[in-house]
Amino acid sequence: MTGNENLKIGGILLAAGGSSRLGQPKQFLQFEGKTLLRRAAEAMVVSICDPIVAVLGAEKEKAKAELAGLQVNICFNHDWQSGMSSSIKCGLSELLLIEPEIDAVVITLCDQPFVDAQTVGRLADRFSETDTQIVAAQYDGVAGVPALFSRAMFDSLSRLEGDKGARDLIRDPNGSVATIEIKEAAIDIDTRDDLDRLTLS
């Protein structure tokens, strides 16, 4: 990596939702012998990110048990039903309590099973090579998560509202945003059919 060893990059794993379309929290769906939550957390643990905060909400005790033994800090979002923005704010607040001098944060989701430590490393590499404030994955013609946000964006992250999460920040045409083509981020699991298609492919 290029200069990443001098950067303090934290990680936020968003895993609080109830997955209304699925009818159950998708965090507990099994893929390749592990739940989506466990798989995503393990990827973050072996990435450049430290510390890592997992934001839990729906079935929080079951979710917490899935993270047993991993170097992951837990943040319970009691307002998880209000949308993704509240989880981002919860995770960022917890992260700054643990490491106040952090330089940037990578935000990931638990339902992108092919996003791994190498993916996160690519975001960090681009950040260390540029002066941009956001580095986002690009897939299917749009920019989205996983994404890295510099410290300069923390105030904006703290003001997010609703269920769009950081989408508007990432796609702001006037923002300081760099993108990387990350095809594996295009695969996410929203329904049981999504998981079945993935397993059978």
N, C-alpha and C. Protein backbone atom coordinates (compact mmCIF):
# COMPACT_ATOMS: atom_id res chain seq x y z
N MET A 1 0.83 -1.19 0.00
CA MET A 1 0.00 0.00 0.00
C MET A 1 0.87 1.25 0.00
N THR A 2 0.32 2.36 -0.36
CA THR A 2 1.10 3.57 -0.52
C THR A 2 0.75 4.58 0.55
N GLY A 3 1.45 4.51 1.67
CA GLY A 3 1.23 5.50 2.71
C GLY A 3 0.12 5.19 3.67
N ASN A 4 -0.59 4.09 3.48
CA ASN A 4 -1.70 3.78 4.36
C ASN A 4 -1.27 3.50 5.79
N GLU A 5 -0.01 3.06 5.94
CA GLU A 5 0.45 2.72 7.29
C GLU A 5 0.49 3.95 8.18
N ASN A 6 0.50 5.14 7.60
CA ASN A 6 0.53 6.38 8.37
C ASN A 6 -0.86 6.95 8.61
N LEU A 7 -1.86 6.33 8.06
CA LEU A 7 -3.23 6.80 8.21
C LEU A 7 -3.98 5.96 9.23
N LYS A 8 -4.82 6.61 9.99
CA LYS A 8 -5.70 5.90 10.91
C LYS A 8 -7.08 5.83 10.25
N ILE A 9 -7.41 4.66 9.76
CA ILE A 9 -8.67 4.47 9.04
C ILE A 9 -9.55 3.51 9.82
N GLY A 10 -10.68 3.99 10.27
CA GLY A 10 -11.64 3.16 10.99
C GLY A 10 -12.65 2.54 10.04
N GLY A 11 -13.43 1.63 10.56
CA GLY A 11 -14.45 0.97 9.75
C GLY A 11 -15.80 0.95 10.45
N ILE A 12 -16.85 1.17 9.69
CA ILE A 12 -18.21 1.05 10.19
C ILE A 12 -18.93 0.02 9.34
N LEU A 13 -19.41 -1.03 9.98
CA LEU A 13 -20.19 -2.06 9.32
C LEU A 13 -21.65 -1.86 9.68
N LEU A 14 -22.47 -1.54 8.69
CA LEU A 14 -23.89 -1.28 8.93
C LEU A 14 -24.67 -2.59 8.88
N ALA A 15 -25.27 -2.96 10.02
CA ALA A 15 -25.97 -4.25 10.10
C ALA A 15 -27.15 -4.15 11.05
N ALA A 16 -27.89 -3.05 10.97
CA ALA A 16 -28.96 -2.81 11.93
C ALA A 16 -30.36 -3.06 11.38
N GLY A 17 -30.50 -3.12 10.06
CA GLY A 17 -31.83 -3.14 9.45
C GLY A 17 -32.61 -4.41 9.69
N GLY A 18 -33.92 -4.29 9.50
CA GLY A 18 -34.81 -5.42 9.69
C GLY A 18 -35.16 -6.16 8.41
N SER A 19 -34.74 -5.62 7.26
CA SER A 19 -34.94 -6.26 5.95
C SER A 19 -36.41 -6.58 5.69
N SER A 20 -37.21 -5.53 5.56
CA SER A 20 -38.66 -5.70 5.42
C SER A 20 -39.04 -6.51 4.19
N ARG A 21 -38.31 -6.34 3.09
CA ARG A 21 -38.64 -7.10 1.87
C ARG A 21 -38.39 -8.59 2.04
N LEU A 22 -37.41 -8.92 2.86
CA LEU A 22 -37.06 -10.32 3.09
C LEU A 22 -37.97 -10.96 4.13
N GLY A 23 -38.45 -10.13 5.07
CA GLY A 23 -39.29 -10.66 6.13
C GLY A 23 -38.51 -11.10 7.35
N GLN A 24 -37.19 -10.94 7.31
CA GLN A 24 -36.31 -11.25 8.43
C GLN A 24 -35.00 -10.52 8.22
N PRO A 25 -34.26 -10.23 9.28
CA PRO A 25 -32.99 -9.54 9.09
C PRO A 25 -32.04 -10.34 8.20
N LYS A 26 -31.57 -9.73 7.12
CA LYS A 26 -30.71 -10.44 6.17
C LYS A 26 -29.35 -10.79 6.77
N GLN A 27 -29.03 -10.15 7.89
CA GLN A 27 -27.74 -10.41 8.54
C GLN A 27 -27.51 -11.88 8.80
N PHE A 28 -28.60 -12.65 8.97
CA PHE A 28 -28.46 -14.04 9.40
C PHE A 28 -28.60 -15.04 8.26
N LEU A 29 -28.75 -14.55 7.04
CA LEU A 29 -28.76 -15.46 5.90
C LEU A 29 -27.41 -16.13 5.76
N GLN A 30 -27.41 -17.38 5.41
CA GLN A 30 -26.18 -18.15 5.28
C GLN A 30 -25.67 -18.14 3.84
N PHE A 31 -24.38 -17.88 3.70
CA PHE A 31 -23.74 -17.96 2.39
C PHE A 31 -22.35 -18.55 2.59
N GLU A 32 -22.09 -19.63 1.89
CA GLU A 32 -20.81 -20.33 1.99
C GLU A 32 -20.45 -20.65 3.43
N GLY A 33 -21.45 -21.11 4.17
CA GLY A 33 -21.22 -21.62 5.52
C GLY A 33 -21.17 -20.59 6.62
N LYS A 34 -21.40 -19.33 6.30
CA LYS A 34 -21.38 -18.28 7.32
C LYS A 34 -22.55 -17.34 7.09
N THR A 35 -22.97 -16.66 8.16
CA THR A 35 -23.99 -15.64 7.97
C THR A 35 -23.36 -14.45 7.24
N LEU A 36 -24.21 -13.68 6.58
CA LEU A 36 -23.71 -12.49 5.89
C LEU A 36 -23.03 -11.54 6.87
N LEU A 37 -23.57 -11.44 8.08
CA LEU A 37 -22.99 -10.56 9.09
C LEU A 37 -21.58 -11.02 9.48
N ARG A 38 -21.44 -12.30 9.79
CA ARG A 38 -20.14 -12.82 10.19
C ARG A 38 -19.13 -12.66 9.05
N ARG A 39 -19.55 -12.96 7.86
CA ARG A 39 -18.66 -12.88 6.69
C ARG A 39 -18.16 -11.44 6.49
N ALA A 40 -19.08 -10.48 6.60
CA ALA A 40 -18.70 -9.08 6.40
C ALA A 40 -17.78 -8.60 7.52
N ALA A 41 -18.07 -9.01 8.74
CA ALA A 41 -17.24 -8.59 9.87
C ALA A 41 -15.84 -9.16 9.77
N GLU A 42 -15.73 -10.42 9.38
CA GLU A 42 -14.40 -11.02 9.24
C GLU A 42 -13.58 -10.31 8.17
N ALA A 43 -14.23 -9.89 7.10
CA ALA A 43 -13.53 -9.15 6.05
C ALA A 43 -12.98 -7.83 6.58
N MET A 44 -13.79 -7.16 7.40
CA MET A 44 -13.33 -5.89 7.96
C MET A 44 -12.19 -6.08 8.94
N VAL A 45 -12.24 -7.13 9.73
CA VAL A 45 -11.22 -7.38 10.75
C VAL A 45 -9.84 -7.56 10.13
N VAL A 46 -9.76 -8.20 8.98
CA VAL A 46 -8.46 -8.44 8.34
C VAL A 46 -8.10 -7.33 7.35
N SER A 47 -8.90 -6.28 7.29
CA SER A 47 -8.62 -5.15 6.41
C SER A 47 -7.73 -4.14 7.14
N ILE A 48 -7.45 -3.05 6.46
CA ILE A 48 -6.64 -1.99 7.03
C ILE A 48 -7.37 -1.25 8.16
N CYS A 49 -8.67 -1.42 8.27
CA CYS A 49 -9.47 -0.64 9.22
C CYS A 49 -9.24 -1.05 10.67
N ASP A 50 -9.05 -0.05 11.51
CA ASP A 50 -8.88 -0.27 12.94
C ASP A 50 -9.00 1.07 13.65
N PRO A 51 -9.96 1.19 14.54
CA PRO A 51 -10.91 0.18 15.02
C PRO A 51 -12.08 -0.01 14.07
N ILE A 52 -12.90 -1.00 14.40
CA ILE A 52 -14.09 -1.31 13.61
C ILE A 52 -15.31 -1.28 14.54
N VAL A 53 -16.37 -0.66 14.05
CA VAL A 53 -17.63 -0.61 14.78
C VAL A 53 -18.72 -1.27 13.94
N ALA A 54 -19.40 -2.25 14.50
CA ALA A 54 -20.57 -2.85 13.85
C ALA A 54 -21.81 -2.24 14.48
N VAL A 55 -22.67 -1.69 13.64
CA VAL A 55 -23.90 -1.06 14.12
C VAL A 55 -25.03 -2.07 14.02
N LEU A 56 -25.59 -2.43 15.16
CA LEU A 56 -26.65 -3.43 15.22
C LEU A 56 -27.96 -2.78 15.64
N GLY A 57 -29.06 -3.45 15.29
CA GLY A 57 -30.38 -2.92 15.66
C GLY A 57 -31.38 -4.05 15.80
N ALA A 58 -31.94 -4.51 14.67
CA ALA A 58 -32.91 -5.60 14.69
C ALA A 58 -32.25 -6.87 15.22
N GLU A 59 -32.94 -7.54 16.13
CA GLU A 59 -32.43 -8.78 16.75
C GLU A 59 -30.98 -8.60 17.19
N LYS A 60 -30.76 -7.56 17.95
CA LYS A 60 -29.40 -7.15 18.28
C LYS A 60 -28.62 -8.19 19.08
N GLU A 61 -29.28 -8.92 19.97
CA GLU A 61 -28.54 -9.91 20.76
C GLU A 61 -28.09 -11.08 19.90
N LYS A 62 -28.94 -11.49 18.97
CA LYS A 62 -28.56 -12.55 18.04
C LYS A 62 -27.41 -12.08 17.16
N ALA A 63 -27.49 -10.83 16.72
CA ALA A 63 -26.43 -10.27 15.88
C ALA A 63 -25.13 -10.16 16.66
N LYS A 64 -25.22 -9.74 17.90
CA LYS A 64 -24.02 -9.63 18.74
C LYS A 64 -23.34 -10.99 18.88
N ALA A 65 -24.14 -12.03 19.05
CA ALA A 65 -23.59 -13.38 19.19
C ALA A 65 -22.84 -13.81 17.93
N GLU A 66 -23.29 -13.34 16.76
CA GLU A 66 -22.63 -13.68 15.50
C GLU A 66 -21.22 -13.08 15.42
N LEU A 67 -20.97 -12.05 16.21
CA LEU A 67 -19.68 -11.37 16.16
C LEU A 67 -18.73 -11.83 17.26
N ALA A 68 -19.14 -12.83 18.00
CA ALA A 68 -18.32 -13.30 19.12
C ALA A 68 -16.93 -13.69 18.67
N GLY A 69 -15.93 -13.25 19.42
CA GLY A 69 -14.55 -13.61 19.14
C GLY A 69 -13.84 -12.72 18.14
N LEU A 70 -14.54 -11.78 17.55
CA LEU A 70 -13.93 -10.87 16.58
C LEU A 70 -13.58 -9.54 17.23
N GLN A 71 -12.52 -8.91 16.75
CA GLN A 71 -12.11 -7.60 17.26
C GLN A 71 -12.98 -6.51 16.64
N VAL A 72 -14.24 -6.51 17.08
CA VAL A 72 -15.23 -5.58 16.56
C VAL A 72 -15.96 -4.94 17.74
N ASN A 73 -16.06 -3.63 17.70
CA ASN A 73 -16.81 -2.91 18.73
C ASN A 73 -18.28 -2.86 18.32
N ILE A 74 -19.16 -2.99 19.29
CA ILE A 74 -20.59 -3.03 19.02
C ILE A 74 -21.24 -1.70 19.36
N CYS A 75 -22.09 -1.23 18.46
CA CYS A 75 -22.89 -0.04 18.70
C CYS A 75 -24.34 -0.40 18.43
N PHE A 76 -25.21 -0.25 19.42
CA PHE A 76 -26.63 -0.53 19.23
C PHE A 76 -27.33 0.75 18.81
N ASN A 77 -27.96 0.73 17.65
CA ASN A 77 -28.75 1.87 17.18
C ASN A 77 -30.19 1.64 17.58
N HIS A 78 -30.61 2.29 18.64
CA HIS A 78 -31.97 2.11 19.13
C HIS A 78 -33.00 2.76 18.21
N ASP A 79 -32.52 3.57 17.28
CA ASP A 79 -33.42 4.25 16.33
C ASP A 79 -33.26 3.66 14.93
N TRP A 80 -32.90 2.38 14.84
CA TRP A 80 -32.56 1.78 13.55
C TRP A 80 -33.70 1.81 12.55
N GLN A 81 -34.93 1.81 13.03
CA GLN A 81 -36.07 1.79 12.11
C GLN A 81 -36.25 3.11 11.35
N SER A 82 -35.56 4.16 11.79
CA SER A 82 -35.67 5.45 11.11
C SER A 82 -34.87 5.50 9.82
N GLY A 83 -33.98 4.53 9.62
CA GLY A 83 -33.23 4.49 8.37
C GLY A 83 -31.74 4.42 8.57
N MET A 84 -31.03 4.28 7.46
CA MET A 84 -29.60 4.04 7.47
C MET A 84 -28.80 5.21 8.05
N SER A 85 -29.30 6.43 7.86
CA SER A 85 -28.55 7.59 8.34
C SER A 85 -28.29 7.53 9.84
N SER A 86 -29.29 7.08 10.59
CA SER A 86 -29.12 7.00 12.04
C SER A 86 -28.04 5.99 12.41
N SER A 87 -27.91 4.93 11.62
CA SER A 87 -26.87 3.94 11.88
C SER A 87 -25.48 4.49 11.57
N ILE A 88 -25.37 5.26 10.52
CA ILE A 88 -24.08 5.88 10.19
C ILE A 88 -23.66 6.82 11.32
N LYS A 89 -24.60 7.63 11.80
CA LYS A 89 -24.28 8.57 12.88
C LYS A 89 -23.92 7.83 14.16
N CYS A 90 -24.63 6.77 14.45
CA CYS A 90 -24.35 5.96 15.63
C CYS A 90 -22.94 5.38 15.55
N GLY A 91 -22.62 4.80 14.41
CA GLY A 91 -21.32 4.18 14.23
C GLY A 91 -20.18 5.18 14.28
N LEU A 92 -20.37 6.34 13.66
CA LEU A 92 -19.32 7.35 13.64
C LEU A 92 -19.08 7.91 15.04
N SER A 93 -20.14 8.14 15.78
CA SER A 93 -20.01 8.64 17.15
C SER A 93 -19.22 7.66 18.01
N GLU A 94 -19.53 6.37 17.89
CA GLU A 94 -18.83 5.35 18.66
C GLU A 94 -17.37 5.27 18.23
N LEU A 95 -17.13 5.35 16.95
CA LEU A 95 -15.77 5.26 16.42
C LEU A 95 -14.90 6.39 16.96
N LEU A 96 -15.45 7.60 17.01
CA LEU A 96 -14.68 8.75 17.48
C LEU A 96 -14.45 8.71 18.98
N LEU A 97 -15.33 8.04 19.70
CA LEU A 97 -15.08 7.83 21.13
C LEU A 97 -13.88 6.91 21.34
N ILE A 98 -13.78 5.92 20.49
CA ILE A 98 -12.69 4.94 20.60
C ILE A 98 -11.38 5.51 20.10
N GLU A 99 -11.42 6.20 18.97
CA GLU A 99 -10.21 6.75 18.34
C GLU A 99 -10.50 8.16 17.83
N PRO A 100 -10.35 9.17 18.70
CA PRO A 100 -10.71 10.55 18.32
C PRO A 100 -9.89 11.12 17.17
N GLU A 101 -8.69 10.59 16.94
CA GLU A 101 -7.79 11.18 15.95
C GLU A 101 -7.83 10.47 14.60
N ILE A 102 -8.91 9.79 14.33
CA ILE A 102 -9.00 9.00 13.11
C ILE A 102 -8.97 9.91 11.87
N ASP A 103 -8.33 9.44 10.80
CA ASP A 103 -8.19 10.23 9.57
C ASP A 103 -9.33 10.02 8.59
N ALA A 104 -9.92 8.84 8.61
CA ALA A 104 -10.96 8.51 7.64
C ALA A 104 -11.73 7.30 8.14
N VAL A 105 -12.87 7.06 7.51
CA VAL A 105 -13.67 5.89 7.86
C VAL A 105 -14.18 5.23 6.59
N VAL A 106 -14.17 3.90 6.59
CA VAL A 106 -14.76 3.13 5.50
C VAL A 106 -16.10 2.59 5.98
N ILE A 107 -17.14 2.84 5.22
CA ILE A 107 -18.48 2.35 5.54
C ILE A 107 -18.82 1.19 4.62
N THR A 108 -19.18 0.05 5.21
CA THR A 108 -19.55 -1.13 4.44
C THR A 108 -20.90 -1.65 4.90
N LEU A 109 -21.49 -2.52 4.09
CA LEU A 109 -22.77 -3.15 4.39
C LEU A 109 -22.56 -4.65 4.60
N CYS A 110 -23.48 -5.27 5.30
CA CYS A 110 -23.33 -6.70 5.53
C CYS A 110 -23.90 -7.54 4.39
N ASP A 111 -24.58 -6.91 3.42
CA ASP A 111 -25.25 -7.69 2.38
C ASP A 111 -24.52 -7.68 1.05
N GLN A 112 -23.23 -7.32 1.05
CA GLN A 112 -22.41 -7.39 -0.17
C GLN A 112 -21.35 -8.47 0.06
N PRO A 113 -21.68 -9.73 -0.16
CA PRO A 113 -20.82 -10.83 0.30
C PRO A 113 -19.47 -10.93 -0.36
N PHE A 114 -19.26 -10.25 -1.49
CA PHE A 114 -17.97 -10.34 -2.16
C PHE A 114 -17.07 -9.14 -1.91
N VAL A 115 -17.54 -8.21 -1.10
CA VAL A 115 -16.67 -7.12 -0.65
C VAL A 115 -15.77 -7.66 0.45
N ASP A 116 -14.45 -7.58 0.22
CA ASP A 116 -13.52 -8.19 1.16
C ASP A 116 -12.44 -7.18 1.58
N ALA A 117 -11.43 -7.68 2.30
CA ALA A 117 -10.36 -6.80 2.79
C ALA A 117 -9.62 -6.14 1.64
N GLN A 118 -9.46 -6.85 0.54
CA GLN A 118 -8.77 -6.26 -0.62
C GLN A 118 -9.57 -5.09 -1.19
N THR A 119 -10.88 -5.22 -1.21
CA THR A 119 -11.74 -4.13 -1.68
C THR A 119 -11.52 -2.89 -0.82
N VAL A 120 -11.54 -3.08 0.49
CA VAL A 120 -11.33 -1.97 1.41
C VAL A 120 -9.95 -1.37 1.21
N GLY A 121 -8.96 -2.21 0.99
CA GLY A 121 -7.60 -1.72 0.75
C GLY A 121 -7.49 -0.85 -0.49
N ARG A 122 -8.25 -1.18 -1.52
CA ARG A 122 -8.23 -0.38 -2.74
C ARG A 122 -8.77 1.03 -2.48
N LEU A 123 -9.82 1.12 -1.67
CA LEU A 123 -10.35 2.44 -1.31
C LEU A 123 -9.31 3.25 -0.55
N ALA A 124 -8.65 2.59 0.40
CA ALA A 124 -7.63 3.28 1.20
C ALA A 124 -6.45 3.71 0.35
N ASP A 125 -6.04 2.87 -0.60
CA ASP A 125 -4.94 3.22 -1.50
C ASP A 125 -5.26 4.47 -2.30
N ARG A 126 -6.45 4.52 -2.86
CA ARG A 126 -6.84 5.69 -3.65
C ARG A 126 -6.87 6.95 -2.78
N PHE A 127 -7.35 6.80 -1.57
CA PHE A 127 -7.41 7.94 -0.65
C PHE A 127 -6.01 8.47 -0.35
N SER A 128 -5.08 7.57 -0.14
CA SER A 128 -3.71 7.99 0.20
C SER A 128 -2.99 8.62 -0.99
N GLU A 129 -3.48 8.34 -2.19
CA GLU A 129 -2.84 8.84 -3.41
C GLU A 129 -3.41 10.18 -3.88
N THR A 130 -4.55 10.58 -3.32
CA THR A 130 -5.25 11.76 -3.82
C THR A 130 -5.60 12.70 -2.66
N ASP A 131 -6.15 13.86 -3.03
CA ASP A 131 -6.62 14.81 -2.03
C ASP A 131 -8.13 14.78 -1.90
N THR A 132 -8.76 13.76 -2.43
CA THR A 132 -10.21 13.69 -2.43
C THR A 132 -10.75 13.43 -1.02
N GLN A 133 -11.98 13.83 -0.79
CA GLN A 133 -12.59 13.66 0.52
C GLN A 133 -13.42 12.38 0.62
N ILE A 134 -13.83 11.84 -0.53
CA ILE A 134 -14.60 10.60 -0.56
C ILE A 134 -14.04 9.71 -1.65
N VAL A 135 -13.89 8.43 -1.35
CA VAL A 135 -13.55 7.44 -2.36
C VAL A 135 -14.66 6.39 -2.31
N ALA A 136 -15.36 6.21 -3.41
CA ALA A 136 -16.52 5.33 -3.43
C ALA A 136 -16.38 4.24 -4.48
N ALA A 137 -17.04 3.14 -4.22
CA ALA A 137 -17.12 2.08 -5.23
C ALA A 137 -18.04 2.52 -6.35
N GLN A 138 -17.71 2.12 -7.58
CA GLN A 138 -18.59 2.36 -8.71
C GLN A 138 -18.96 1.03 -9.34
N TYR A 139 -20.25 0.83 -9.56
CA TYR A 139 -20.73 -0.40 -10.14
C TYR A 139 -22.09 -0.15 -10.78
N ASP A 140 -22.36 -0.85 -11.85
CA ASP A 140 -23.63 -0.67 -12.58
C ASP A 140 -23.88 0.80 -12.92
N GLY A 141 -22.82 1.53 -13.17
CA GLY A 141 -22.95 2.91 -13.61
C GLY A 141 -23.21 3.93 -12.53
N VAL A 142 -23.20 3.53 -11.26
CA VAL A 142 -23.44 4.47 -10.17
C VAL A 142 -22.37 4.32 -9.10
N ALA A 143 -22.23 5.34 -8.27
CA ALA A 143 -21.29 5.29 -7.15
C ALA A 143 -22.05 4.97 -5.87
N GLY A 144 -21.40 4.20 -5.00
CA GLY A 144 -22.07 3.82 -3.76
C GLY A 144 -21.09 3.21 -2.77
N VAL A 145 -21.64 2.50 -1.81
CA VAL A 145 -20.80 1.86 -0.81
C VAL A 145 -20.35 0.48 -1.31
N PRO A 146 -19.21 -0.01 -0.82
CA PRO A 146 -18.39 0.58 0.24
C PRO A 146 -17.76 1.89 -0.20
N ALA A 147 -17.57 2.75 0.77
CA ALA A 147 -16.99 4.05 0.48
C ALA A 147 -16.16 4.52 1.66
N LEU A 148 -15.13 5.29 1.35
CA LEU A 148 -14.27 5.88 2.37
C LEU A 148 -14.56 7.37 2.46
N PHE A 149 -14.65 7.86 3.68
CA PHE A 149 -14.90 9.29 3.92
C PHE A 149 -13.77 9.86 4.78
N SER A 150 -13.18 10.96 4.29
CA SER A 150 -12.12 11.60 5.06
C SER A 150 -12.71 12.30 6.28
N ARG A 151 -11.83 12.68 7.17
CA ARG A 151 -12.26 13.38 8.39
C ARG A 151 -13.03 14.67 8.05
N ALA A 152 -12.68 15.28 6.94
CA ALA A 152 -13.36 16.52 6.52
C ALA A 152 -14.85 16.31 6.28
N MET A 153 -15.27 15.04 6.08
CA MET A 153 -16.68 14.74 5.81
C MET A 153 -17.44 14.31 7.06
N PHE A 154 -16.77 14.24 8.20
CA PHE A 154 -17.43 13.71 9.39
C PHE A 154 -18.63 14.56 9.83
N ASP A 155 -18.50 15.88 9.72
CA ASP A 155 -19.63 16.74 10.09
C ASP A 155 -20.82 16.49 9.18
N SER A 156 -20.56 16.31 7.89
CA SER A 156 -21.65 16.04 6.94
C SER A 156 -22.29 14.69 7.24
N LEU A 157 -21.50 13.69 7.58
CA LEU A 157 -22.04 12.38 7.94
C LEU A 157 -22.91 12.49 9.19
N SER A 158 -22.51 13.35 10.11
CA SER A 158 -23.24 13.50 11.37
C SER A 158 -24.57 14.23 11.20
N ARG A 159 -24.76 14.86 10.05
CA ARG A 159 -26.00 15.59 9.79
C ARG A 159 -26.96 14.82 8.87
N LEU A 160 -26.62 13.62 8.51
CA LEU A 160 -27.48 12.84 7.61
C LEU A 160 -28.83 12.54 8.25
N GLU A 161 -29.85 12.47 7.41
CA GLU A 161 -31.19 12.11 7.86
C GLU A 161 -31.82 11.15 6.87
N GLY A 162 -32.74 10.30 7.36
CA GLY A 162 -33.52 9.44 6.47
C GLY A 162 -32.84 8.13 6.11
N ASP A 163 -33.35 7.49 5.05
CA ASP A 163 -32.91 6.14 4.71
C ASP A 163 -31.97 6.10 3.52
N LYS A 164 -31.55 7.27 3.02
CA LYS A 164 -30.62 7.27 1.89
C LYS A 164 -29.19 7.05 2.34
N GLY A 165 -28.94 7.15 3.63
CA GLY A 165 -27.58 7.02 4.11
C GLY A 165 -26.71 8.13 3.53
N ALA A 166 -25.52 7.76 3.08
CA ALA A 166 -24.58 8.75 2.54
C ALA A 166 -24.65 8.88 1.03
N ARG A 167 -25.72 8.38 0.43
CA ARG A 167 -25.83 8.36 -1.03
C ARG A 167 -25.68 9.75 -1.64
N ASP A 168 -26.34 10.75 -1.06
CA ASP A 168 -26.29 12.09 -1.63
C ASP A 168 -24.90 12.69 -1.54
N LEU A 169 -24.15 12.36 -0.49
CA LEU A 169 -22.77 12.85 -0.37
C LEU A 169 -21.90 12.20 -1.45
N ILE A 170 -22.09 10.91 -1.64
CA ILE A 170 -21.27 10.18 -2.60
C ILE A 170 -21.55 10.64 -4.03
N ARG A 171 -22.80 10.97 -4.32
CA ARG A 171 -23.19 11.32 -5.68
C ARG A 171 -23.33 12.82 -5.91
N ASP A 172 -22.81 13.62 -4.99
CA ASP A 172 -22.86 15.07 -5.13
C ASP A 172 -21.94 15.50 -6.28
N PRO A 173 -22.51 16.07 -7.34
CA PRO A 173 -21.69 16.44 -8.50
C PRO A 173 -20.65 17.51 -8.17
N ASN A 174 -20.85 18.24 -7.08
CA ASN A 174 -19.91 19.28 -6.69
C ASN A 174 -18.98 18.82 -5.57
N GLY A 175 -19.09 17.57 -5.19
CA GLY A 175 -18.29 17.06 -4.10
C GLY A 175 -16.91 16.61 -4.54
N SER A 176 -16.05 16.41 -3.56
CA SER A 176 -14.69 15.92 -3.81
C SER A 176 -14.71 14.40 -3.71
N VAL A 177 -15.10 13.76 -4.83
CA VAL A 177 -15.36 12.33 -4.83
C VAL A 177 -14.54 11.64 -5.92
N ALA A 178 -13.82 10.61 -5.54
CA ALA A 178 -13.15 9.73 -6.51
C ALA A 178 -13.86 8.38 -6.48
N THR A 179 -13.90 7.71 -7.60
CA THR A 179 -14.55 6.40 -7.67
C THR A 179 -13.59 5.34 -8.19
N ILE A 180 -13.85 4.11 -7.77
CA ILE A 180 -13.09 2.96 -8.25
C ILE A 180 -14.09 1.92 -8.73
N GLU A 181 -13.85 1.35 -9.88
CA GLU A 181 -14.72 0.29 -10.39
C GLU A 181 -14.55 -0.95 -9.51
N ILE A 182 -15.60 -1.29 -8.79
CA ILE A 182 -15.58 -2.45 -7.90
C ILE A 182 -16.81 -3.29 -8.23
N LYS A 183 -16.63 -4.22 -9.16
CA LYS A 183 -17.75 -5.00 -9.65
C LYS A 183 -18.38 -5.88 -8.58
N GLU A 184 -17.56 -6.34 -7.62
CA GLU A 184 -18.11 -7.23 -6.59
C GLU A 184 -19.12 -6.53 -5.69
N ALA A 185 -19.09 -5.20 -5.66
CA ALA A 185 -20.02 -4.46 -4.82
C ALA A 185 -21.43 -4.42 -5.43
N ALA A 186 -21.53 -4.77 -6.72
CA ALA A 186 -22.84 -4.76 -7.37
C ALA A 186 -23.74 -5.88 -6.87
N ILE A 187 -23.15 -6.89 -6.26
CA ILE A 187 -23.92 -8.05 -5.80
C ILE A 187 -24.32 -7.83 -4.35
N ASP A 188 -25.60 -7.60 -4.13
CA ASP A 188 -26.10 -7.48 -2.77
C ASP A 188 -27.32 -8.36 -2.59
N ILE A 189 -27.66 -8.62 -1.35
CA ILE A 189 -28.72 -9.56 -1.03
C ILE A 189 -29.87 -8.82 -0.36
N ASP A 190 -30.98 -8.66 -1.09
CA ASP A 190 -32.14 -8.00 -0.52
C ASP A 190 -33.30 -8.96 -0.28
N THR A 191 -33.31 -10.07 -1.00
CA THR A 191 -34.40 -11.03 -0.88
C THR A 191 -33.84 -12.45 -0.84
N ARG A 192 -34.68 -13.40 -0.46
CA ARG A 192 -34.27 -14.80 -0.48
C ARG A 192 -33.95 -15.25 -1.90
N ASP A 193 -34.68 -14.71 -2.88
CA ASP A 193 -34.41 -15.06 -4.28
C ASP A 193 -33.01 -14.61 -4.69
N ASP A 194 -32.57 -13.43 -4.19
CA ASP A 194 -31.22 -12.97 -4.48
C ASP A 194 -30.20 -13.97 -4.00
N LEU A 195 -30.40 -14.48 -2.79
CA LEU A 195 -29.47 -15.44 -2.22
C LEU A 195 -29.51 -16.76 -2.99
N ASP A 196 -30.71 -17.20 -3.36
CA ASP A 196 -30.85 -18.45 -4.11
C ASP A 196 -30.14 -18.36 -5.46
N ARG A 197 -30.31 -17.22 -6.14
CA ARG A 197 -29.64 -17.04 -7.44
C ARG A 197 -28.13 -17.04 -7.29
N LEU A 198 -27.66 -16.42 -6.22
CA LEU A 198 -26.23 -16.37 -5.97
C LEU A 198 -25.67 -17.76 -5.67
N THR A 199 -26.39 -18.52 -4.90
CA THR A 199 -25.94 -19.87 -4.52
C THR A 199 -25.93 -20.80 -5.70
N LEU A 200 -26.88 -20.62 -6.62
CA LEU A 200 -27.02 -21.52 -7.76
C LEU A 200 -26.13 -21.14 -8.94
N SER A 201 -25.60 -19.90 -8.90
CA SER A 201 -24.82 -19.42 -10.05
C SER A 201 -23.43 -20.05 -10.08
